[in-house]
N, C-alpha and C. Protein backbone atom coordinates (compact mmCIF):
# COMPACT_ATOMS: atom_id res chain seq x y z
N ASN A 1 -26.59 197.10 144.44
CA ASN A 1 -26.03 198.45 144.49
C ASN A 1 -27.08 199.50 144.13
N MET A 2 -27.87 199.20 143.10
CA MET A 2 -28.91 200.16 142.68
C MET A 2 -29.94 200.34 143.79
N SER A 3 -30.30 199.26 144.44
CA SER A 3 -31.27 199.33 145.52
C SER A 3 -30.75 200.17 146.67
N ARG A 4 -29.47 199.96 147.03
CA ARG A 4 -28.87 200.76 148.10
C ARG A 4 -28.80 202.23 147.72
N LEU A 5 -28.43 202.49 146.45
CA LEU A 5 -28.36 203.87 145.98
C LEU A 5 -29.75 204.50 145.99
N ARG A 6 -30.74 203.76 145.57
CA ARG A 6 -32.13 204.26 145.56
C ARG A 6 -32.57 204.64 146.97
N THR A 7 -32.25 203.79 147.92
CA THR A 7 -32.59 204.06 149.32
C THR A 7 -31.83 205.27 149.84
N TRP A 8 -30.56 205.35 149.51
CA TRP A 8 -29.71 206.46 149.97
C TRP A 8 -30.22 207.79 149.42
N LEU A 9 -30.60 207.82 148.12
CA LEU A 9 -31.07 209.06 147.51
C LEU A 9 -32.42 209.48 148.07
N GLY A 10 -33.29 208.51 148.38
CA GLY A 10 -34.58 208.83 148.97
C GLY A 10 -35.62 209.25 147.96
N THR A 11 -36.59 210.04 148.44
CA THR A 11 -37.72 210.44 147.61
C THR A 11 -37.96 211.94 147.70
N THR A 12 -38.71 212.43 146.73
CA THR A 12 -39.13 213.84 146.74
C THR A 12 -40.22 214.02 147.79
N ASP A 13 -40.62 215.25 148.04
CA ASP A 13 -41.73 215.52 148.97
C ASP A 13 -43.03 214.86 148.49
N ASP A 14 -43.13 214.64 147.17
CA ASP A 14 -44.32 213.99 146.59
C ASP A 14 -44.22 212.47 146.61
N GLY A 15 -43.12 211.93 147.14
CA GLY A 15 -42.97 210.49 147.22
C GLY A 15 -42.35 209.84 146.00
N GLU A 16 -41.92 210.64 145.00
CA GLU A 16 -41.26 210.08 143.82
C GLU A 16 -39.81 209.73 144.18
N GLN A 17 -39.34 208.60 143.71
CA GLN A 17 -37.96 208.20 143.98
C GLN A 17 -37.00 209.02 143.13
N TYR A 18 -35.88 209.44 143.76
CA TYR A 18 -34.86 210.17 143.00
C TYR A 18 -34.14 209.26 142.01
N LEU A 19 -34.18 207.95 142.27
CA LEU A 19 -33.66 206.97 141.32
C LEU A 19 -34.78 205.97 141.06
N PRO A 20 -35.64 206.28 140.09
CA PRO A 20 -36.79 205.42 139.83
C PRO A 20 -36.37 204.02 139.37
N ASP A 21 -37.27 203.07 139.56
CA ASP A 21 -37.03 201.73 139.04
C ASP A 21 -36.82 201.82 137.53
N ALA A 22 -35.98 200.95 137.03
CA ALA A 22 -35.61 201.00 135.61
C ALA A 22 -36.25 199.85 134.84
N TYR A 23 -37.56 199.73 134.93
CA TYR A 23 -38.25 198.64 134.25
C TYR A 23 -38.13 198.76 132.73
N SER A 24 -37.90 199.96 132.24
CA SER A 24 -37.75 200.16 130.80
C SER A 24 -36.37 199.72 130.31
N GLY A 25 -35.47 199.44 131.26
CA GLY A 25 -34.10 199.09 130.88
C GLY A 25 -33.18 200.30 130.84
N ARG A 26 -33.73 201.47 131.08
CA ARG A 26 -32.94 202.70 131.06
C ARG A 26 -32.90 203.29 132.47
N ILE A 27 -31.71 203.51 132.98
CA ILE A 27 -31.55 204.08 134.32
C ILE A 27 -31.47 205.59 134.19
N GLU A 28 -32.37 206.28 134.88
CA GLU A 28 -32.39 207.74 134.84
C GLU A 28 -32.67 208.28 136.23
N LEU A 29 -31.99 209.35 136.58
CA LEU A 29 -32.25 210.04 137.84
C LEU A 29 -33.46 210.95 137.68
N HIS A 30 -34.09 211.27 138.77
CA HIS A 30 -35.23 212.18 138.78
C HIS A 30 -34.80 213.53 138.19
N ARG A 31 -35.73 214.19 137.55
CA ARG A 31 -35.41 215.45 136.85
C ARG A 31 -34.92 216.56 137.79
N HIS A 32 -35.19 216.46 139.09
CA HIS A 32 -34.75 217.48 140.03
C HIS A 32 -33.31 217.29 140.51
N ILE A 33 -32.71 216.18 140.15
CA ILE A 33 -31.31 215.96 140.55
C ILE A 33 -30.41 216.58 139.50
N VAL A 34 -29.55 217.45 139.96
CA VAL A 34 -28.57 218.08 139.07
C VAL A 34 -27.19 217.87 139.67
N SER A 35 -26.20 217.92 138.83
CA SER A 35 -24.83 217.74 139.30
C SER A 35 -24.07 219.06 139.19
N ASP A 36 -22.98 219.13 139.92
CA ASP A 36 -22.10 220.30 139.81
C ASP A 36 -21.66 220.48 138.36
N TRP A 37 -21.43 219.36 137.69
CA TRP A 37 -20.93 219.45 136.31
C TRP A 37 -22.00 220.05 135.39
N GLU A 38 -23.25 219.67 135.58
CA GLU A 38 -24.33 220.27 134.78
C GLU A 38 -24.40 221.77 135.04
N GLN A 39 -24.27 222.16 136.30
CA GLN A 39 -24.29 223.59 136.62
C GLN A 39 -23.09 224.30 136.01
N PHE A 40 -21.90 223.69 136.11
CA PHE A 40 -20.70 224.28 135.52
C PHE A 40 -20.92 224.52 134.03
N LYS A 41 -21.46 223.53 133.34
CA LYS A 41 -21.68 223.66 131.90
C LYS A 41 -22.71 224.74 131.58
N LEU A 42 -23.70 224.92 132.44
CA LEU A 42 -24.67 226.00 132.22
C LEU A 42 -24.00 227.36 132.35
N PHE A 43 -23.13 227.51 133.35
CA PHE A 43 -22.43 228.79 133.54
C PHE A 43 -21.49 229.10 132.38
N THR A 44 -20.96 228.08 131.73
CA THR A 44 -19.99 228.29 130.67
C THR A 44 -20.54 227.94 129.29
N ALA A 45 -21.87 227.87 129.17
CA ALA A 45 -22.50 227.55 127.89
C ALA A 45 -22.04 228.55 126.83
N GLY A 46 -21.71 228.05 125.67
CA GLY A 46 -21.23 228.92 124.60
C GLY A 46 -19.73 229.11 124.63
N GLY A 47 -19.06 228.52 125.60
CA GLY A 47 -17.61 228.62 125.69
C GLY A 47 -17.16 229.57 126.78
N VAL A 48 -16.04 229.25 127.41
CA VAL A 48 -15.57 230.07 128.53
C VAL A 48 -15.19 231.48 128.08
N ASN A 49 -14.76 231.63 126.85
CA ASN A 49 -14.38 232.97 126.38
C ASN A 49 -15.59 233.87 126.14
N HIS A 50 -16.80 233.28 126.10
CA HIS A 50 -18.02 234.08 125.94
C HIS A 50 -18.79 234.24 127.24
N ALA A 51 -18.43 233.48 128.26
CA ALA A 51 -19.12 233.55 129.55
C ALA A 51 -18.76 234.87 130.24
N THR A 52 -19.68 235.38 131.03
CA THR A 52 -19.39 236.59 131.79
C THR A 52 -18.39 236.26 132.90
N THR A 53 -17.77 237.27 133.42
CA THR A 53 -16.85 237.08 134.54
C THR A 53 -17.59 236.50 135.74
N ALA A 54 -18.78 236.99 136.00
CA ALA A 54 -19.58 236.47 137.12
C ALA A 54 -19.92 235.00 136.90
N ALA A 55 -20.24 234.62 135.66
CA ALA A 55 -20.56 233.21 135.37
C ALA A 55 -19.33 232.33 135.57
N LEU A 56 -18.15 232.81 135.17
CA LEU A 56 -16.92 232.04 135.38
C LEU A 56 -16.64 231.87 136.87
N GLN A 57 -16.87 232.94 137.64
CA GLN A 57 -16.68 232.84 139.08
C GLN A 57 -17.65 231.82 139.68
N SER A 58 -18.89 231.85 139.25
CA SER A 58 -19.88 230.90 139.75
C SER A 58 -19.50 229.48 139.37
N ALA A 59 -19.05 229.29 138.15
CA ALA A 59 -18.65 227.95 137.70
C ALA A 59 -17.46 227.45 138.53
N LEU A 60 -16.46 228.28 138.70
CA LEU A 60 -15.26 227.86 139.43
C LEU A 60 -15.53 227.69 140.93
N SER A 61 -16.54 228.36 141.43
CA SER A 61 -16.86 228.19 142.86
C SER A 61 -17.36 226.77 143.15
N LEU A 62 -17.76 226.04 142.13
CA LEU A 62 -18.21 224.66 142.29
C LEU A 62 -17.05 223.68 142.42
N VAL A 63 -15.85 224.11 142.06
CA VAL A 63 -14.68 223.20 142.03
C VAL A 63 -14.16 222.97 143.44
N ARG A 64 -14.07 221.68 143.79
CA ARG A 64 -13.56 221.29 145.11
C ARG A 64 -12.34 220.37 145.01
N GLY A 65 -11.97 220.01 143.79
CA GLY A 65 -10.83 219.11 143.59
C GLY A 65 -10.87 218.52 142.21
N VAL A 66 -10.11 217.45 142.02
CA VAL A 66 -10.07 216.76 140.73
C VAL A 66 -11.41 216.05 140.52
N PRO A 67 -12.06 216.26 139.38
CA PRO A 67 -13.34 215.59 139.15
C PRO A 67 -13.21 214.06 139.23
N LEU A 68 -14.19 213.45 139.84
CA LEU A 68 -14.28 211.99 139.97
C LEU A 68 -13.07 211.38 140.66
N SER A 69 -12.46 212.13 141.56
CA SER A 69 -11.22 211.65 142.19
C SER A 69 -11.45 210.75 143.39
N ASP A 70 -12.67 210.69 143.88
CA ASP A 70 -12.90 209.89 145.08
C ASP A 70 -13.26 208.44 144.75
N THR A 71 -12.73 207.94 143.65
CA THR A 71 -12.88 206.54 143.29
C THR A 71 -11.49 205.92 143.17
N LEU A 72 -11.43 204.63 143.27
CA LEU A 72 -10.15 203.95 143.11
C LEU A 72 -9.68 204.09 141.67
N PRO A 73 -8.37 204.32 141.46
CA PRO A 73 -7.86 204.45 140.09
C PRO A 73 -8.24 203.23 139.25
N GLY A 74 -8.78 203.51 138.06
CA GLY A 74 -9.16 202.44 137.15
C GLY A 74 -10.52 201.84 137.40
N SER A 75 -11.18 202.21 138.51
CA SER A 75 -12.47 201.58 138.81
C SER A 75 -13.59 202.14 137.93
N TRP A 76 -13.44 203.33 137.43
CA TRP A 76 -14.44 203.92 136.55
C TRP A 76 -13.79 204.22 135.19
N HIS A 77 -13.17 203.22 134.59
CA HIS A 77 -12.48 203.43 133.32
C HIS A 77 -13.41 204.01 132.26
N TRP A 78 -14.69 203.68 132.34
CA TRP A 78 -15.66 204.17 131.38
C TRP A 78 -15.88 205.68 131.51
N ALA A 79 -15.51 206.26 132.66
CA ALA A 79 -15.73 207.69 132.90
C ALA A 79 -14.46 208.52 132.69
N GLU A 80 -13.36 207.89 132.28
CA GLU A 80 -12.09 208.61 132.15
C GLU A 80 -12.20 209.76 131.14
N GLN A 81 -12.89 209.55 130.05
CA GLN A 81 -13.04 210.62 129.05
C GLN A 81 -13.80 211.80 129.64
N TRP A 82 -14.81 211.52 130.46
CA TRP A 82 -15.55 212.59 131.14
C TRP A 82 -14.62 213.38 132.06
N ARG A 83 -13.80 212.64 132.82
CA ARG A 83 -12.89 213.29 133.76
C ARG A 83 -11.94 214.22 133.01
N ILE A 84 -11.40 213.73 131.90
CA ILE A 84 -10.47 214.54 131.09
C ILE A 84 -11.17 215.79 130.57
N GLU A 85 -12.39 215.64 130.10
CA GLU A 85 -13.16 216.78 129.60
C GLU A 85 -13.42 217.79 130.72
N MET A 86 -13.78 217.29 131.89
CA MET A 86 -14.06 218.17 133.02
C MET A 86 -12.82 218.95 133.43
N VAL A 87 -11.70 218.26 133.58
CA VAL A 87 -10.46 218.92 133.97
C VAL A 87 -10.09 219.99 132.94
N SER A 88 -10.20 219.65 131.68
CA SER A 88 -9.85 220.59 130.62
C SER A 88 -10.73 221.83 130.65
N GLN A 89 -12.03 221.65 130.81
CA GLN A 89 -12.92 222.81 130.82
C GLN A 89 -12.75 223.66 132.08
N ILE A 90 -12.49 223.01 133.20
CA ILE A 90 -12.23 223.77 134.43
C ILE A 90 -10.95 224.58 134.28
N ARG A 91 -9.92 223.94 133.74
CA ARG A 91 -8.65 224.64 133.51
C ARG A 91 -8.86 225.82 132.57
N ASP A 92 -9.61 225.62 131.50
CA ASP A 92 -9.85 226.71 130.54
C ASP A 92 -10.62 227.86 131.19
N ALA A 93 -11.60 227.53 132.02
CA ALA A 93 -12.37 228.58 132.71
C ALA A 93 -11.46 229.35 133.68
N ALA A 94 -10.62 228.62 134.39
CA ALA A 94 -9.69 229.27 135.33
C ALA A 94 -8.70 230.16 134.57
N ALA A 95 -8.22 229.68 133.45
CA ALA A 95 -7.27 230.47 132.66
C ALA A 95 -7.93 231.73 132.12
N GLU A 96 -9.14 231.59 131.61
CA GLU A 96 -9.86 232.76 131.07
C GLU A 96 -10.12 233.80 132.17
N LEU A 97 -10.57 233.34 133.32
CA LEU A 97 -10.86 234.27 134.41
C LEU A 97 -9.56 234.91 134.92
N THR A 98 -8.50 234.16 134.98
CA THR A 98 -7.21 234.71 135.41
C THR A 98 -6.74 235.79 134.44
N GLU A 99 -6.85 235.50 133.14
CA GLU A 99 -6.45 236.50 132.12
C GLU A 99 -7.24 237.79 132.30
N ARG A 100 -8.54 237.67 132.47
CA ARG A 100 -9.38 238.86 132.66
C ARG A 100 -8.99 239.62 133.93
N ALA A 101 -8.76 238.86 134.99
CA ALA A 101 -8.40 239.50 136.26
C ALA A 101 -7.06 240.22 136.14
N LEU A 102 -6.10 239.59 135.47
CA LEU A 102 -4.80 240.24 135.30
C LEU A 102 -4.92 241.51 134.45
N GLU A 103 -5.76 241.48 133.42
CA GLU A 103 -5.98 242.67 132.59
C GLU A 103 -6.57 243.81 133.42
N ASN A 104 -7.39 243.46 134.42
CA ASN A 104 -8.02 244.46 135.28
C ASN A 104 -7.24 244.72 136.56
N HIS A 105 -6.06 244.15 136.66
CA HIS A 105 -5.18 244.31 137.83
C HIS A 105 -5.84 243.83 139.12
N ASP A 106 -6.72 242.82 138.99
CA ASP A 106 -7.37 242.23 140.16
C ASP A 106 -6.60 240.96 140.53
N LEU A 107 -5.54 241.15 141.31
CA LEU A 107 -4.65 240.04 141.63
C LEU A 107 -5.30 239.04 142.58
N THR A 108 -6.24 239.50 143.39
CA THR A 108 -6.95 238.59 144.29
C THR A 108 -7.80 237.61 143.50
N LEU A 109 -8.55 238.12 142.53
CA LEU A 109 -9.38 237.26 141.69
C LEU A 109 -8.51 236.34 140.84
N ALA A 110 -7.42 236.85 140.31
CA ALA A 110 -6.52 236.02 139.50
C ALA A 110 -5.96 234.87 140.33
N SER A 111 -5.56 235.16 141.54
CA SER A 111 -5.02 234.13 142.43
C SER A 111 -6.07 233.08 142.76
N TRP A 112 -7.29 233.53 143.04
CA TRP A 112 -8.39 232.61 143.36
C TRP A 112 -8.69 231.70 142.18
N ALA A 113 -8.77 232.28 140.98
CA ALA A 113 -9.06 231.49 139.78
C ALA A 113 -7.97 230.45 139.53
N LEU A 114 -6.72 230.84 139.72
CA LEU A 114 -5.61 229.89 139.54
C LEU A 114 -5.67 228.78 140.58
N GLU A 115 -6.05 229.12 141.78
CA GLU A 115 -6.17 228.11 142.84
C GLU A 115 -7.24 227.08 142.47
N LYS A 116 -8.37 227.54 141.96
CA LYS A 116 -9.45 226.63 141.56
C LYS A 116 -9.01 225.75 140.38
N GLY A 117 -8.36 226.36 139.40
CA GLY A 117 -7.88 225.59 138.25
C GLY A 117 -6.87 224.54 138.65
N THR A 118 -5.98 224.91 139.57
CA THR A 118 -4.94 223.99 140.03
C THR A 118 -5.54 222.85 140.85
N LEU A 119 -6.60 223.12 141.59
CA LEU A 119 -7.28 222.05 142.33
C LEU A 119 -7.73 220.94 141.38
N ALA A 120 -8.22 221.32 140.21
CA ALA A 120 -8.73 220.33 139.26
C ALA A 120 -7.64 219.78 138.35
N ALA A 121 -6.78 220.64 137.84
CA ALA A 121 -5.82 220.22 136.81
C ALA A 121 -4.46 219.80 137.37
N GLY A 122 -4.18 220.16 138.59
CA GLY A 122 -2.90 219.78 139.19
C GLY A 122 -1.86 220.89 139.07
N GLU A 123 -0.81 220.74 139.85
CA GLU A 123 0.23 221.78 139.95
C GLU A 123 1.14 221.86 138.75
N ASP A 124 1.15 220.85 137.89
CA ASP A 124 2.06 220.83 136.76
C ASP A 124 1.42 221.22 135.44
N ASP A 125 0.19 221.72 135.48
CA ASP A 125 -0.48 222.14 134.25
C ASP A 125 0.24 223.37 133.70
N GLU A 126 0.76 223.25 132.49
CA GLU A 126 1.60 224.31 131.94
C GLU A 126 0.83 225.61 131.69
N THR A 127 -0.40 225.52 131.28
CA THR A 127 -1.20 226.73 131.07
C THR A 127 -1.33 227.51 132.37
N LEU A 128 -1.63 226.80 133.45
CA LEU A 128 -1.80 227.47 134.75
C LEU A 128 -0.46 227.93 135.31
N LEU A 129 0.61 227.17 135.08
CA LEU A 129 1.94 227.61 135.53
C LEU A 129 2.35 228.91 134.84
N THR A 130 2.06 229.00 133.56
CA THR A 130 2.38 230.23 132.81
C THR A 130 1.64 231.42 133.43
N LEU A 131 0.38 231.21 133.78
CA LEU A 131 -0.39 232.28 134.40
C LEU A 131 0.08 232.58 135.82
N GLN A 132 0.56 231.57 136.54
CA GLN A 132 1.12 231.81 137.87
C GLN A 132 2.35 232.71 137.77
N ILE A 133 3.14 232.49 136.74
CA ILE A 133 4.32 233.34 136.52
C ILE A 133 3.86 234.77 136.24
N ARG A 134 2.87 234.92 135.38
CA ARG A 134 2.37 236.27 135.06
C ARG A 134 1.78 236.95 136.29
N LEU A 135 1.10 236.18 137.14
CA LEU A 135 0.54 236.73 138.38
C LEU A 135 1.66 237.18 139.32
N ALA A 136 2.66 236.35 139.49
CA ALA A 136 3.78 236.72 140.36
C ALA A 136 4.49 237.97 139.83
N GLN A 137 4.62 238.06 138.52
CA GLN A 137 5.24 239.24 137.93
C GLN A 137 4.38 240.48 138.17
N ALA A 138 3.07 240.35 137.97
CA ALA A 138 2.17 241.48 138.19
C ALA A 138 2.18 241.93 139.66
N ALA A 139 2.36 240.97 140.56
CA ALA A 139 2.39 241.28 141.99
C ALA A 139 3.76 241.80 142.42
N GLY A 140 4.74 241.72 141.53
CA GLY A 140 6.09 242.14 141.90
C GLY A 140 6.76 241.18 142.88
N ASP A 141 6.33 239.94 142.88
CA ASP A 141 6.83 238.94 143.82
C ASP A 141 8.01 238.19 143.19
N THR A 142 9.19 238.78 143.28
CA THR A 142 10.37 238.16 142.65
C THR A 142 10.74 236.83 143.30
N HIS A 143 10.48 236.69 144.59
CA HIS A 143 10.75 235.40 145.24
C HIS A 143 9.91 234.29 144.61
N GLU A 144 8.62 234.55 144.43
CA GLU A 144 7.73 233.56 143.81
C GLU A 144 8.11 233.32 142.35
N LEU A 145 8.48 234.38 141.64
CA LEU A 145 8.93 234.22 140.25
C LEU A 145 10.14 233.30 140.18
N ASN A 146 11.12 233.56 141.01
CA ASN A 146 12.33 232.72 141.02
C ASN A 146 11.99 231.28 141.36
N ARG A 147 11.09 231.09 142.34
CA ARG A 147 10.69 229.75 142.74
C ARG A 147 10.02 229.01 141.59
N LEU A 148 9.12 229.68 140.90
CA LEU A 148 8.40 229.06 139.78
C LEU A 148 9.34 228.73 138.62
N VAL A 149 10.20 229.68 138.27
CA VAL A 149 11.15 229.45 137.17
C VAL A 149 12.04 228.26 137.49
N LEU A 150 12.56 228.22 138.70
CA LEU A 150 13.42 227.11 139.10
C LEU A 150 12.65 225.78 139.07
N ARG A 151 11.44 225.80 139.59
CA ARG A 151 10.62 224.57 139.60
C ARG A 151 10.34 224.06 138.19
N ILE A 152 9.96 224.97 137.30
CA ILE A 152 9.62 224.59 135.93
C ILE A 152 10.83 224.06 135.18
N THR A 153 11.92 224.78 135.27
CA THR A 153 13.11 224.34 134.52
C THR A 153 13.71 223.07 135.11
N ARG A 154 13.69 222.95 136.42
CA ARG A 154 14.19 221.74 137.07
C ARG A 154 13.36 220.53 136.67
N ARG A 155 12.04 220.68 136.68
CA ARG A 155 11.15 219.57 136.31
C ARG A 155 11.37 219.16 134.85
N ALA A 156 11.51 220.13 133.97
CA ALA A 156 11.73 219.82 132.55
C ALA A 156 13.04 219.04 132.37
N ARG A 157 14.07 219.46 133.09
CA ARG A 157 15.36 218.73 132.99
C ARG A 157 15.23 217.32 133.53
N GLN A 158 14.55 217.17 134.68
CA GLN A 158 14.39 215.84 135.28
C GLN A 158 13.63 214.89 134.38
N LEU A 159 12.62 215.40 133.70
CA LEU A 159 11.80 214.56 132.82
C LEU A 159 12.35 214.48 131.40
N GLY A 160 13.37 215.28 131.12
CA GLY A 160 13.93 215.29 129.77
C GLY A 160 12.95 215.84 128.74
N GLU A 161 12.10 216.78 129.16
CA GLU A 161 11.08 217.36 128.28
C GLU A 161 11.49 218.76 127.84
N ASP A 162 11.02 219.13 126.67
CA ASP A 162 11.20 220.50 126.20
C ASP A 162 10.02 221.33 126.68
N LEU A 163 10.30 222.58 127.01
CA LEU A 163 9.22 223.50 127.37
C LEU A 163 8.52 223.96 126.11
N SER A 164 7.23 224.29 126.23
CA SER A 164 6.48 224.77 125.08
C SER A 164 7.00 226.15 124.68
N ASP A 165 6.69 226.54 123.46
CA ASP A 165 7.09 227.87 122.98
C ASP A 165 6.48 228.97 123.84
N THR A 166 5.23 228.77 124.29
CA THR A 166 4.57 229.76 125.14
C THR A 166 5.31 229.90 126.46
N MET A 167 5.69 228.77 127.06
CA MET A 167 6.40 228.82 128.34
C MET A 167 7.77 229.47 128.16
N ILE A 168 8.46 229.13 127.10
CA ILE A 168 9.78 229.73 126.84
C ILE A 168 9.65 231.24 126.69
N ALA A 169 8.66 231.68 125.93
CA ALA A 169 8.46 233.12 125.74
C ALA A 169 8.13 233.81 127.06
N THR A 170 7.31 233.17 127.89
CA THR A 170 6.95 233.74 129.19
C THR A 170 8.18 233.83 130.09
N LEU A 171 8.96 232.76 130.15
CA LEU A 171 10.17 232.76 130.98
C LEU A 171 11.16 233.81 130.49
N ARG A 172 11.32 233.91 129.19
CA ARG A 172 12.25 234.91 128.63
C ARG A 172 11.80 236.31 129.01
N GLU A 173 10.50 236.59 128.87
CA GLU A 173 9.97 237.91 129.22
C GLU A 173 10.21 238.22 130.69
N VAL A 174 9.92 237.24 131.54
CA VAL A 174 10.08 237.42 132.99
C VAL A 174 11.54 237.67 133.33
N LEU A 175 12.43 236.88 132.77
CA LEU A 175 13.85 237.01 133.09
C LEU A 175 14.42 238.33 132.59
N GLU A 176 13.89 238.83 131.49
CA GLU A 176 14.40 240.08 130.93
C GLU A 176 13.83 241.32 131.62
N THR A 177 12.64 241.21 132.21
CA THR A 177 11.99 242.41 132.76
C THR A 177 11.93 242.45 134.28
N THR A 178 12.35 241.40 134.94
CA THR A 178 12.27 241.36 136.40
C THR A 178 13.63 241.66 136.99
N PRO A 179 13.68 242.56 137.97
CA PRO A 179 14.95 242.82 138.63
C PRO A 179 15.49 241.55 139.28
N LYS A 180 16.78 241.40 139.19
CA LYS A 180 17.42 240.20 139.76
C LYS A 180 17.51 240.31 141.27
N THR A 181 17.16 239.23 141.94
CA THR A 181 17.35 239.14 143.39
C THR A 181 18.16 237.91 143.66
N PRO A 182 19.01 237.98 144.66
CA PRO A 182 19.82 236.80 144.95
C PRO A 182 18.94 235.64 145.43
N THR A 183 19.27 234.44 144.95
CA THR A 183 18.59 233.26 145.43
C THR A 183 19.56 232.46 146.27
N PRO A 184 19.05 231.78 147.28
CA PRO A 184 19.94 231.01 148.14
C PRO A 184 20.60 229.87 147.34
N HIS A 185 21.89 229.71 147.56
CA HIS A 185 22.63 228.64 146.90
C HIS A 185 23.28 227.77 147.95
N ILE A 186 23.38 226.52 147.63
CA ILE A 186 24.09 225.58 148.50
C ILE A 186 25.50 225.46 147.95
N GLY A 187 26.46 225.83 148.77
CA GLY A 187 27.84 225.77 148.33
C GLY A 187 28.38 224.35 148.36
N ILE A 188 29.14 224.01 147.36
CA ILE A 188 29.77 222.69 147.31
C ILE A 188 31.28 222.93 147.37
N SER A 189 31.93 222.37 148.37
CA SER A 189 33.38 222.60 148.48
C SER A 189 34.12 221.29 148.53
């Protein structure tokens, strides 16, 4: 496998292998190989709450899906902690950028940041769902608000889970401040 990977990676213009032989017993990639994750961490060095808005945008632009998702489940059990860390930091960066965008009334940026966060963390991440509700409220999209509230409460009932205090407060605020619109009902007779 290492030999195939070495061949696949190839060599630098100077003829150095991107995956040098590991005669020392330590496997290391060439110093010019960087990963999206290394770049993401550089953009968010010092924490997402201290990163500039431009740095958060650059970091999130690297997100294409769930980290390490193109492997069979359980095949990289040793990397599960990395995956969890990556998802968490991507979600935090998306949440921070969404908060900033909502404060600046930039609904396009907020929507984009939420989309990137959801790509990595999934549609049921409560932090991102809370922000989706706030985005829909800021956009005045009562249809989307109703859809999200119904989805969240229905899922909690189905799983027998309690909503977090943050989610309850968000739902209460939305329900109290949003004009009521009729939702389609299925009649049972």
